[in-house]
Amino acid sequence: MSHRNFYDRQRNRWEVRVSSRAEWRFEPLPGNPNPPRLVRPPLYAGDDPFELSEQELQTIFGTATPEARAEKKAQRASPFGDAYEPQPHAKKSPFLDDIGEG
C-alpha cells in the first residue's frame, strides 16, 4: 500500500500511513524536525487518505497528538516481598535425578 504525502499549514512535509481504520500515523519526511503523530481519523475518511483533499488532511492533522515514546520501565518491586531466587531442589528419586549426572 502506498502512503500519501502532504504539507501541513506550517509547510512541513508529512507522510500519512494507515495503521488501521481507527488510527493513522503521520511520519515526518526529510527536512521536517517534528516527531511522528497519531490520530483517529473521522469515520467518513474510511481507510483511504487519497480520497481526502489537502485541506481535509490538514484539519485531521490538527487533531493529531505526538506519538508516545516507548521508555524503559523501571523494574517494580515484587508484591510478595523479596525478589524471587530459585532454590536448589532436594533429590526425590535416586533413579531419575542421577540420569543427568555421570
Foldseek 3Di string as FASTA:
>chain_A
DAWDWAAAPVRFIWTWDQPDQQKIKTCGDPPDPDAIWMFGDDNVCGRDPVVDDRVSVNVRVVPTDHDDDDDDDDDDADPVPHDDDDDDDDDDDPPVVCPPPD
